[in-house]
Amino acid sequence: MKKLLYCLIISLAFCNVAPVYAEHLEPTEQTQVVQIYTNFKSVVGNPEWVLIVRDVDTGLVVPYLFEVKNQDNFWLAFTYGHNYKITASTLKFGEHAKINNFCELENCMLSGKSLYMTLTGTLTPDPRLLKCNVMKYAGSKFTIVKNN
């Protein structure tokens, strides 16, 4: 609950809009996706990555919090509009160290493009030890299959 509150506060601080709750997302259709794959050599501490996606057409804001617990991770961040911006990408290493604009994702307007990211190297407060490879591709829906 504390982490959800943290994301909502960050969302308000960065975007100056009301928070969005999951129940309000059901009628909205997912359009693009940010796929994130990690293969770190090592991870220092217990970093948390706050990623905030904003649909520029509707103002819909969706915060994501990714906790780095392993060297290999797979995460998804869905967008709910054709035109969107990543308004925050902050990697925190506790209270004293953070990387703002992590992987240089912030404030780039993306129209009809999805992202495929691979993160490799050593995850520390020194961003020079990490490689972010970000590829853009024509937006397509990411299919999720529900097991019955």
N, C-alpha and C. Protein backbone atom coordinates (compact mmCIF):
# COMPACT_ATOMS: atom_id res chain seq x y z
N MET A 1 0.82 -1.19 0.00
CA MET A 1 0.00 0.00 0.00
C MET A 1 0.87 1.26 0.00
N LYS A 2 1.98 1.21 0.75
CA LYS A 2 2.89 2.35 0.83
C LYS A 2 3.47 2.68 -0.55
N LYS A 3 3.80 1.63 -1.32
CA LYS A 3 4.39 1.84 -2.64
C LYS A 3 3.37 2.40 -3.63
N LEU A 4 2.11 1.97 -3.53
CA LEU A 4 1.06 2.51 -4.39
C LEU A 4 0.86 3.99 -4.09
N LEU A 5 0.84 4.33 -2.81
CA LEU A 5 0.71 5.73 -2.42
C LEU A 5 1.89 6.54 -2.94
N TYR A 6 3.09 5.98 -2.86
CA TYR A 6 4.30 6.64 -3.37
C TYR A 6 4.15 6.94 -4.86
N CYS A 7 3.69 5.95 -5.63
CA CYS A 7 3.52 6.14 -7.08
C CYS A 7 2.48 7.22 -7.37
N LEU A 8 1.40 7.23 -6.62
CA LEU A 8 0.37 8.23 -6.86
C LEU A 8 0.87 9.63 -6.53
N ILE A 9 1.63 9.76 -5.46
CA ILE A 9 2.19 11.07 -5.10
C ILE A 9 3.17 11.53 -6.17
N ILE A 10 4.03 10.62 -6.63
CA ILE A 10 4.98 10.95 -7.70
C ILE A 10 4.22 11.38 -8.95
N SER A 11 3.14 10.65 -9.26
CA SER A 11 2.33 10.97 -10.43
C SER A 11 1.79 12.39 -10.35
N LEU A 12 1.28 12.76 -9.20
CA LEU A 12 0.76 14.12 -9.03
C LEU A 12 1.86 15.15 -9.12
N ALA A 13 2.99 14.87 -8.55
CA ALA A 13 4.09 15.83 -8.52
C ALA A 13 4.64 16.09 -9.92
N PHE A 14 4.77 15.05 -10.72
CA PHE A 14 5.37 15.20 -12.03
C PHE A 14 4.38 15.65 -13.10
N CYS A 15 3.15 15.27 -12.97
CA CYS A 15 2.20 15.50 -14.06
C CYS A 15 1.11 16.51 -13.72
N ASN A 16 0.94 16.82 -12.47
CA ASN A 16 -0.05 17.79 -12.03
C ASN A 16 -1.46 17.43 -12.51
N VAL A 17 -1.77 16.13 -12.43
CA VAL A 17 -3.11 15.66 -12.77
C VAL A 17 -3.58 14.70 -11.70
N ALA A 18 -4.86 14.42 -11.68
CA ALA A 18 -5.41 13.50 -10.69
C ALA A 18 -4.91 12.09 -10.94
N PRO A 19 -4.72 11.30 -9.87
CA PRO A 19 -4.25 9.92 -10.06
C PRO A 19 -5.31 9.07 -10.75
N VAL A 20 -4.85 8.02 -11.38
CA VAL A 20 -5.72 7.11 -12.10
C VAL A 20 -5.69 5.78 -11.37
N TYR A 21 -6.83 5.21 -11.12
CA TYR A 21 -6.91 3.92 -10.47
C TYR A 21 -7.25 2.86 -11.50
N ALA A 22 -6.86 1.62 -11.22
CA ALA A 22 -7.02 0.52 -12.17
C ALA A 22 -8.47 0.35 -12.62
N GLU A 23 -9.42 0.57 -11.71
CA GLU A 23 -10.81 0.38 -12.09
C GLU A 23 -11.26 1.36 -13.18
N HIS A 24 -10.59 2.49 -13.32
CA HIS A 24 -10.94 3.45 -14.36
C HIS A 24 -10.32 3.11 -15.71
N LEU A 25 -9.43 2.11 -15.75
CA LEU A 25 -8.74 1.78 -16.99
C LEU A 25 -9.48 0.76 -17.83
N GLU A 26 -10.45 0.06 -17.27
CA GLU A 26 -11.12 -1.00 -18.00
C GLU A 26 -11.73 -0.57 -19.32
N PRO A 27 -12.43 0.55 -19.42
CA PRO A 27 -13.03 0.89 -20.70
C PRO A 27 -12.02 1.42 -21.71
N THR A 28 -10.82 1.74 -21.28
CA THR A 28 -9.81 2.29 -22.16
C THR A 28 -9.03 1.15 -22.79
N GLU A 29 -8.77 1.26 -24.06
CA GLU A 29 -8.08 0.19 -24.77
C GLU A 29 -6.59 0.44 -24.81
N GLN A 30 -5.82 -0.60 -24.50
CA GLN A 30 -4.36 -0.53 -24.55
C GLN A 30 -3.93 -0.41 -26.00
N THR A 31 -2.99 0.49 -26.27
CA THR A 31 -2.53 0.66 -27.65
C THR A 31 -1.07 0.28 -27.83
N GLN A 32 -0.15 0.98 -27.18
CA GLN A 32 1.26 0.65 -27.29
C GLN A 32 1.73 0.01 -25.98
N VAL A 33 2.95 -0.51 -26.01
CA VAL A 33 3.50 -1.17 -24.83
C VAL A 33 4.99 -0.86 -24.73
N VAL A 34 5.47 -0.76 -23.50
CA VAL A 34 6.90 -0.65 -23.23
C VAL A 34 7.32 -1.99 -22.64
N GLN A 35 8.13 -2.74 -23.40
CA GLN A 35 8.64 -4.02 -22.94
C GLN A 35 10.04 -3.81 -22.39
N ILE A 36 10.28 -4.32 -21.19
CA ILE A 36 11.57 -4.10 -20.53
C ILE A 36 12.15 -5.46 -20.13
N TYR A 37 13.33 -5.74 -20.64
CA TYR A 37 14.06 -6.96 -20.31
C TYR A 37 15.36 -6.56 -19.64
N THR A 38 15.71 -7.20 -18.52
CA THR A 38 16.98 -6.91 -17.87
C THR A 38 17.82 -8.18 -17.81
N ASN A 39 19.12 -7.99 -17.93
CA ASN A 39 20.09 -9.07 -17.77
C ASN A 39 21.33 -8.44 -17.13
N PHE A 40 21.19 -8.07 -15.85
CA PHE A 40 22.26 -7.39 -15.14
C PHE A 40 23.35 -8.37 -14.72
N LYS A 41 24.60 -7.92 -14.74
CA LYS A 41 25.71 -8.71 -14.18
C LYS A 41 25.57 -8.77 -12.67
N SER A 42 25.21 -7.63 -12.08
CA SER A 42 24.97 -7.56 -10.64
C SER A 42 24.09 -6.34 -10.36
N VAL A 43 23.50 -6.35 -9.18
CA VAL A 43 22.62 -5.26 -8.75
C VAL A 43 23.05 -4.84 -7.35
N VAL A 44 23.27 -3.54 -7.18
CA VAL A 44 23.65 -3.00 -5.88
C VAL A 44 22.40 -2.55 -5.13
N GLY A 45 22.21 -3.06 -3.93
CA GLY A 45 21.07 -2.66 -3.12
C GLY A 45 19.76 -3.23 -3.62
N ASN A 46 18.67 -2.51 -3.32
CA ASN A 46 17.31 -2.90 -3.73
C ASN A 46 16.67 -1.73 -4.47
N PRO A 47 17.12 -1.47 -5.70
CA PRO A 47 16.60 -0.31 -6.42
C PRO A 47 15.14 -0.46 -6.81
N GLU A 48 14.48 0.70 -6.92
CA GLU A 48 13.10 0.78 -7.39
C GLU A 48 13.05 1.79 -8.54
N TRP A 49 12.34 1.41 -9.59
CA TRP A 49 12.23 2.25 -10.77
C TRP A 49 10.80 2.74 -10.89
N VAL A 50 10.62 4.05 -10.84
CA VAL A 50 9.31 4.67 -11.03
C VAL A 50 9.22 5.15 -12.47
N LEU A 51 8.24 4.65 -13.19
CA LEU A 51 8.01 5.01 -14.58
C LEU A 51 6.58 5.53 -14.68
N ILE A 52 6.41 6.74 -15.18
CA ILE A 52 5.08 7.33 -15.30
C ILE A 52 4.80 7.65 -16.76
N VAL A 53 3.71 7.08 -17.27
CA VAL A 53 3.31 7.23 -18.67
C VAL A 53 2.07 8.11 -18.72
N ARG A 54 2.09 9.11 -19.61
CA ARG A 54 0.97 10.05 -19.74
C ARG A 54 0.46 10.06 -21.17
N ASP A 55 -0.84 9.83 -21.34
CA ASP A 55 -1.49 9.95 -22.64
C ASP A 55 -1.72 11.44 -22.87
N VAL A 56 -1.09 12.01 -23.87
CA VAL A 56 -1.18 13.45 -24.07
C VAL A 56 -2.53 13.88 -24.63
N ASP A 57 -3.27 12.98 -25.23
CA ASP A 57 -4.57 13.33 -25.80
C ASP A 57 -5.66 13.42 -24.73
N THR A 58 -5.62 12.52 -23.74
CA THR A 58 -6.67 12.49 -22.72
C THR A 58 -6.19 12.95 -21.35
N GLY A 59 -4.88 12.99 -21.15
CA GLY A 59 -4.34 13.35 -19.84
C GLY A 59 -4.26 12.18 -18.88
N LEU A 60 -4.64 10.97 -19.31
CA LEU A 60 -4.58 9.78 -18.49
C LEU A 60 -3.13 9.52 -18.07
N VAL A 61 -2.92 9.32 -16.77
CA VAL A 61 -1.58 9.08 -16.22
C VAL A 61 -1.55 7.71 -15.57
N VAL A 62 -0.55 6.90 -15.94
CA VAL A 62 -0.42 5.57 -15.38
C VAL A 62 0.99 5.43 -14.77
N PRO A 63 1.06 5.32 -13.44
CA PRO A 63 2.37 5.13 -12.80
C PRO A 63 2.70 3.64 -12.68
N TYR A 64 3.97 3.32 -12.83
CA TYR A 64 4.47 1.96 -12.66
C TYR A 64 5.61 2.00 -11.66
N LEU A 65 5.70 0.97 -10.82
CA LEU A 65 6.81 0.82 -9.89
C LEU A 65 7.39 -0.56 -10.10
N PHE A 66 8.65 -0.61 -10.54
CA PHE A 66 9.33 -1.87 -10.76
C PHE A 66 10.41 -2.03 -9.69
N GLU A 67 10.31 -3.09 -8.90
CA GLU A 67 11.30 -3.39 -7.88
C GLU A 67 12.32 -4.36 -8.49
N VAL A 68 13.58 -3.98 -8.44
CA VAL A 68 14.62 -4.83 -9.01
C VAL A 68 15.05 -5.81 -7.92
N LYS A 69 14.60 -7.05 -8.05
CA LYS A 69 14.91 -8.08 -7.08
C LYS A 69 15.83 -9.14 -7.65
N ASN A 70 15.95 -9.18 -8.96
CA ASN A 70 16.75 -10.19 -9.64
C ASN A 70 17.61 -9.53 -10.71
N GLN A 71 18.55 -10.30 -11.23
CA GLN A 71 19.36 -9.80 -12.34
C GLN A 71 18.58 -9.87 -13.65
N ASP A 72 17.74 -10.89 -13.77
CA ASP A 72 16.93 -11.06 -14.98
C ASP A 72 15.47 -10.75 -14.66
N ASN A 73 14.90 -9.78 -15.36
CA ASN A 73 13.52 -9.35 -15.14
C ASN A 73 12.84 -9.13 -16.48
N PHE A 74 11.52 -9.23 -16.47
CA PHE A 74 10.70 -8.88 -17.63
C PHE A 74 9.51 -8.10 -17.10
N TRP A 75 9.38 -6.86 -17.59
CA TRP A 75 8.30 -6.00 -17.15
C TRP A 75 7.59 -5.42 -18.36
N LEU A 76 6.33 -5.06 -18.15
CA LEU A 76 5.52 -4.40 -19.18
C LEU A 76 4.92 -3.12 -18.61
N ALA A 77 4.89 -2.10 -19.42
CA ALA A 77 4.18 -0.86 -19.09
C ALA A 77 3.26 -0.58 -20.28
N PHE A 78 1.97 -0.57 -20.04
CA PHE A 78 1.01 -0.37 -21.11
C PHE A 78 0.69 1.11 -21.27
N THR A 79 0.44 1.51 -22.49
CA THR A 79 -0.03 2.86 -22.76
C THR A 79 -1.49 2.75 -23.18
N TYR A 80 -2.22 3.84 -22.97
CA TYR A 80 -3.65 3.82 -23.27
C TYR A 80 -4.03 4.94 -24.21
N GLY A 81 -3.10 5.29 -25.09
CA GLY A 81 -3.36 6.31 -26.07
C GLY A 81 -2.36 6.21 -27.21
N HIS A 82 -2.69 6.79 -28.32
CA HIS A 82 -1.81 6.76 -29.50
C HIS A 82 -0.59 7.66 -29.29
N ASN A 83 -0.80 8.79 -28.64
CA ASN A 83 0.28 9.74 -28.38
C ASN A 83 0.56 9.77 -26.88
N TYR A 84 1.78 9.48 -26.49
CA TYR A 84 2.08 9.44 -25.07
C TYR A 84 3.50 9.91 -24.80
N LYS A 85 3.74 10.25 -23.53
CA LYS A 85 5.05 10.66 -23.06
C LYS A 85 5.37 9.88 -21.80
N ILE A 86 6.62 9.60 -21.60
CA ILE A 86 7.08 9.11 -20.31
C ILE A 86 7.50 10.36 -19.55
N THR A 87 6.72 10.71 -18.55
CA THR A 87 6.97 11.97 -17.84
C THR A 87 7.93 11.81 -16.67
N ALA A 88 8.14 10.57 -16.23
CA ALA A 88 9.12 10.32 -15.17
C ALA A 88 9.73 8.95 -15.37
N SER A 89 11.03 8.88 -15.18
CA SER A 89 11.77 7.63 -15.20
C SER A 89 12.88 7.79 -14.17
N THR A 90 12.58 7.40 -12.93
CA THR A 90 13.50 7.63 -11.82
C THR A 90 13.85 6.31 -11.15
N LEU A 91 15.14 6.04 -11.07
CA LEU A 91 15.63 4.84 -10.40
C LEU A 91 16.21 5.26 -9.06
N LYS A 92 15.63 4.71 -7.96
CA LYS A 92 16.06 5.08 -6.61
C LYS A 92 16.79 3.92 -5.95
N PHE A 93 17.90 4.26 -5.31
CA PHE A 93 18.67 3.32 -4.50
C PHE A 93 18.54 3.78 -3.05
N GLY A 94 17.42 3.53 -2.43
CA GLY A 94 17.19 3.99 -1.07
C GLY A 94 16.92 5.49 -1.04
N GLU A 95 17.26 6.10 0.08
CA GLU A 95 16.97 7.52 0.29
C GLU A 95 18.02 8.46 -0.29
N HIS A 96 19.24 7.98 -0.52
CA HIS A 96 20.32 8.89 -0.82
C HIS A 96 20.82 8.90 -2.26
N ALA A 97 20.49 7.92 -3.04
CA ALA A 97 20.99 7.88 -4.42
C ALA A 97 19.85 7.62 -5.38
N LYS A 98 19.84 8.38 -6.47
CA LYS A 98 18.84 8.14 -7.51
C LYS A 98 19.38 8.60 -8.85
N ILE A 99 18.82 8.02 -9.89
CA ILE A 99 19.14 8.42 -11.26
C ILE A 99 17.86 8.99 -11.85
N ASN A 100 17.86 10.28 -12.15
CA ASN A 100 16.73 10.92 -12.81
C ASN A 100 16.84 10.68 -14.31
N ASN A 101 15.70 10.68 -14.97
CA ASN A 101 15.64 10.44 -16.42
C ASN A 101 16.40 9.17 -16.78
N PHE A 102 16.12 8.11 -16.03
CA PHE A 102 16.77 6.82 -16.24
C PHE A 102 16.54 6.33 -17.66
N CYS A 103 17.61 5.94 -18.32
CA CYS A 103 17.63 5.49 -19.73
C CYS A 103 17.18 6.58 -20.70
N GLU A 104 17.18 7.83 -20.23
CA GLU A 104 16.84 8.99 -21.08
C GLU A 104 15.49 8.83 -21.77
N LEU A 105 14.50 8.45 -20.98
CA LEU A 105 13.16 8.19 -21.52
C LEU A 105 12.21 9.38 -21.40
N GLU A 106 12.52 10.32 -20.53
CA GLU A 106 11.55 11.36 -20.21
C GLU A 106 11.31 12.36 -21.34
N ASN A 107 10.04 12.75 -21.44
CA ASN A 107 9.57 13.85 -22.28
C ASN A 107 9.75 13.68 -23.77
N CYS A 108 9.96 12.48 -24.21
CA CYS A 108 10.00 12.23 -25.64
C CYS A 108 8.58 11.86 -26.09
N MET A 109 8.04 12.61 -27.05
CA MET A 109 6.69 12.32 -27.56
C MET A 109 6.76 11.08 -28.45
N LEU A 110 5.93 10.11 -28.14
CA LEU A 110 5.86 8.88 -28.92
C LEU A 110 4.47 8.78 -29.53
N SER A 111 4.41 8.69 -30.83
CA SER A 111 3.13 8.59 -31.54
C SER A 111 3.07 7.27 -32.28
N GLY A 112 2.22 6.38 -31.81
CA GLY A 112 2.05 5.09 -32.47
C GLY A 112 3.27 4.21 -32.40
N LYS A 113 4.13 4.43 -31.43
CA LYS A 113 5.36 3.65 -31.29
C LYS A 113 5.37 2.93 -29.95
N SER A 114 5.79 1.67 -29.97
CA SER A 114 6.04 0.92 -28.76
C SER A 114 7.54 0.89 -28.53
N LEU A 115 7.94 0.53 -27.32
CA LEU A 115 9.36 0.46 -26.98
C LEU A 115 9.73 -0.96 -26.56
N TYR A 116 10.92 -1.36 -26.98
CA TYR A 116 11.51 -2.65 -26.60
C TYR A 116 12.85 -2.31 -25.97
N MET A 117 12.99 -2.54 -24.66
CA MET A 117 14.20 -2.13 -23.95
C MET A 117 14.94 -3.34 -23.41
N THR A 118 16.27 -3.31 -23.55
CA THR A 118 17.12 -4.29 -22.88
C THR A 118 18.13 -3.53 -22.03
N LEU A 119 18.22 -3.92 -20.76
CA LEU A 119 19.13 -3.28 -19.82
C LEU A 119 20.16 -4.30 -19.39
N THR A 120 21.44 -3.96 -19.57
CA THR A 120 22.52 -4.87 -19.23
C THR A 120 23.61 -4.11 -18.47
N GLY A 121 24.54 -4.85 -17.90
CA GLY A 121 25.64 -4.24 -17.15
C GLY A 121 25.40 -4.37 -15.66
N THR A 122 26.01 -3.47 -14.91
CA THR A 122 25.90 -3.47 -13.45
C THR A 122 24.97 -2.33 -13.03
N LEU A 123 23.95 -2.66 -12.25
CA LEU A 123 22.98 -1.66 -11.81
C LEU A 123 23.44 -1.06 -10.49
N THR A 124 23.97 0.16 -10.57
CA THR A 124 24.45 0.92 -9.41
C THR A 124 23.99 2.36 -9.58
N PRO A 125 24.23 3.22 -8.60
CA PRO A 125 23.90 4.64 -8.78
C PRO A 125 24.74 5.33 -9.87
N ASP A 126 25.76 4.66 -10.37
CA ASP A 126 26.58 5.20 -11.46
C ASP A 126 26.03 4.72 -12.80
N PRO A 127 25.32 5.56 -13.55
CA PRO A 127 24.67 5.12 -14.79
C PRO A 127 25.67 4.71 -15.89
N ARG A 128 26.94 5.03 -15.73
CA ARG A 128 27.94 4.65 -16.74
C ARG A 128 28.21 3.15 -16.76
N LEU A 129 27.81 2.44 -15.71
CA LEU A 129 28.05 1.01 -15.63
C LEU A 129 26.91 0.19 -16.23
N LEU A 130 25.93 0.88 -16.76
CA LEU A 130 24.72 0.25 -17.28
C LEU A 130 24.53 0.63 -18.74
N LYS A 131 24.02 -0.31 -19.51
CA LYS A 131 23.69 -0.01 -20.91
C LYS A 131 22.18 -0.17 -21.10
N CYS A 132 21.55 0.91 -21.58
CA CYS A 132 20.13 0.89 -21.91
C CYS A 132 20.01 0.88 -23.43
N ASN A 133 19.48 -0.17 -23.97
CA ASN A 133 19.24 -0.25 -25.41
C ASN A 133 17.73 -0.10 -25.61
N VAL A 134 17.32 1.01 -26.22
CA VAL A 134 15.89 1.30 -26.41
C VAL A 134 15.60 1.32 -27.90
N MET A 135 14.72 0.44 -28.32
CA MET A 135 14.31 0.38 -29.73
C MET A 135 12.84 0.75 -29.83
N LYS A 136 12.50 1.52 -30.85
CA LYS A 136 11.10 1.89 -31.12
C LYS A 136 10.61 1.07 -32.30
N TYR A 137 9.34 0.68 -32.24
CA TYR A 137 8.74 -0.03 -33.36
C TYR A 137 7.28 0.38 -33.48
N ALA A 138 6.73 0.17 -34.67
CA ALA A 138 5.33 0.55 -34.91
C ALA A 138 4.45 -0.14 -33.89
N GLY A 139 3.59 0.64 -33.24
CA GLY A 139 2.76 0.13 -32.15
C GLY A 139 1.89 -1.02 -32.58
N SER A 140 1.90 -2.03 -31.75
CA SER A 140 0.99 -3.15 -31.94
C SER A 140 0.58 -3.63 -30.56
N LYS A 141 -0.60 -4.18 -30.48
CA LYS A 141 -1.11 -4.62 -29.19
C LYS A 141 -0.30 -5.81 -28.69
N PHE A 142 -0.05 -5.82 -27.41
CA PHE A 142 0.64 -6.92 -26.75
C PHE A 142 -0.42 -7.85 -26.24
N THR A 143 -0.45 -9.08 -26.73
CA THR A 143 -1.50 -10.03 -26.39
C THR A 143 -1.20 -10.71 -25.06
N ILE A 144 -2.17 -10.67 -24.18
CA ILE A 144 -2.08 -11.38 -22.91
C ILE A 144 -3.16 -12.45 -22.92
N VAL A 145 -2.75 -13.68 -22.66
CA VAL A 145 -3.69 -14.80 -22.67
C VAL A 145 -4.07 -15.13 -21.23
N LYS A 146 -5.36 -15.25 -21.00
CA LYS A 146 -5.86 -15.60 -19.68
C LYS A 146 -6.09 -17.11 -19.63
N ASN A 147 -5.47 -17.75 -18.64
CA ASN A 147 -5.68 -19.19 -18.47
C ASN A 147 -7.03 -19.43 -17.83
N ASN A 148 -7.76 -20.42 -18.34
CA ASN A 148 -9.07 -20.76 -17.76
C ASN A 148 -8.93 -21.90 -16.79
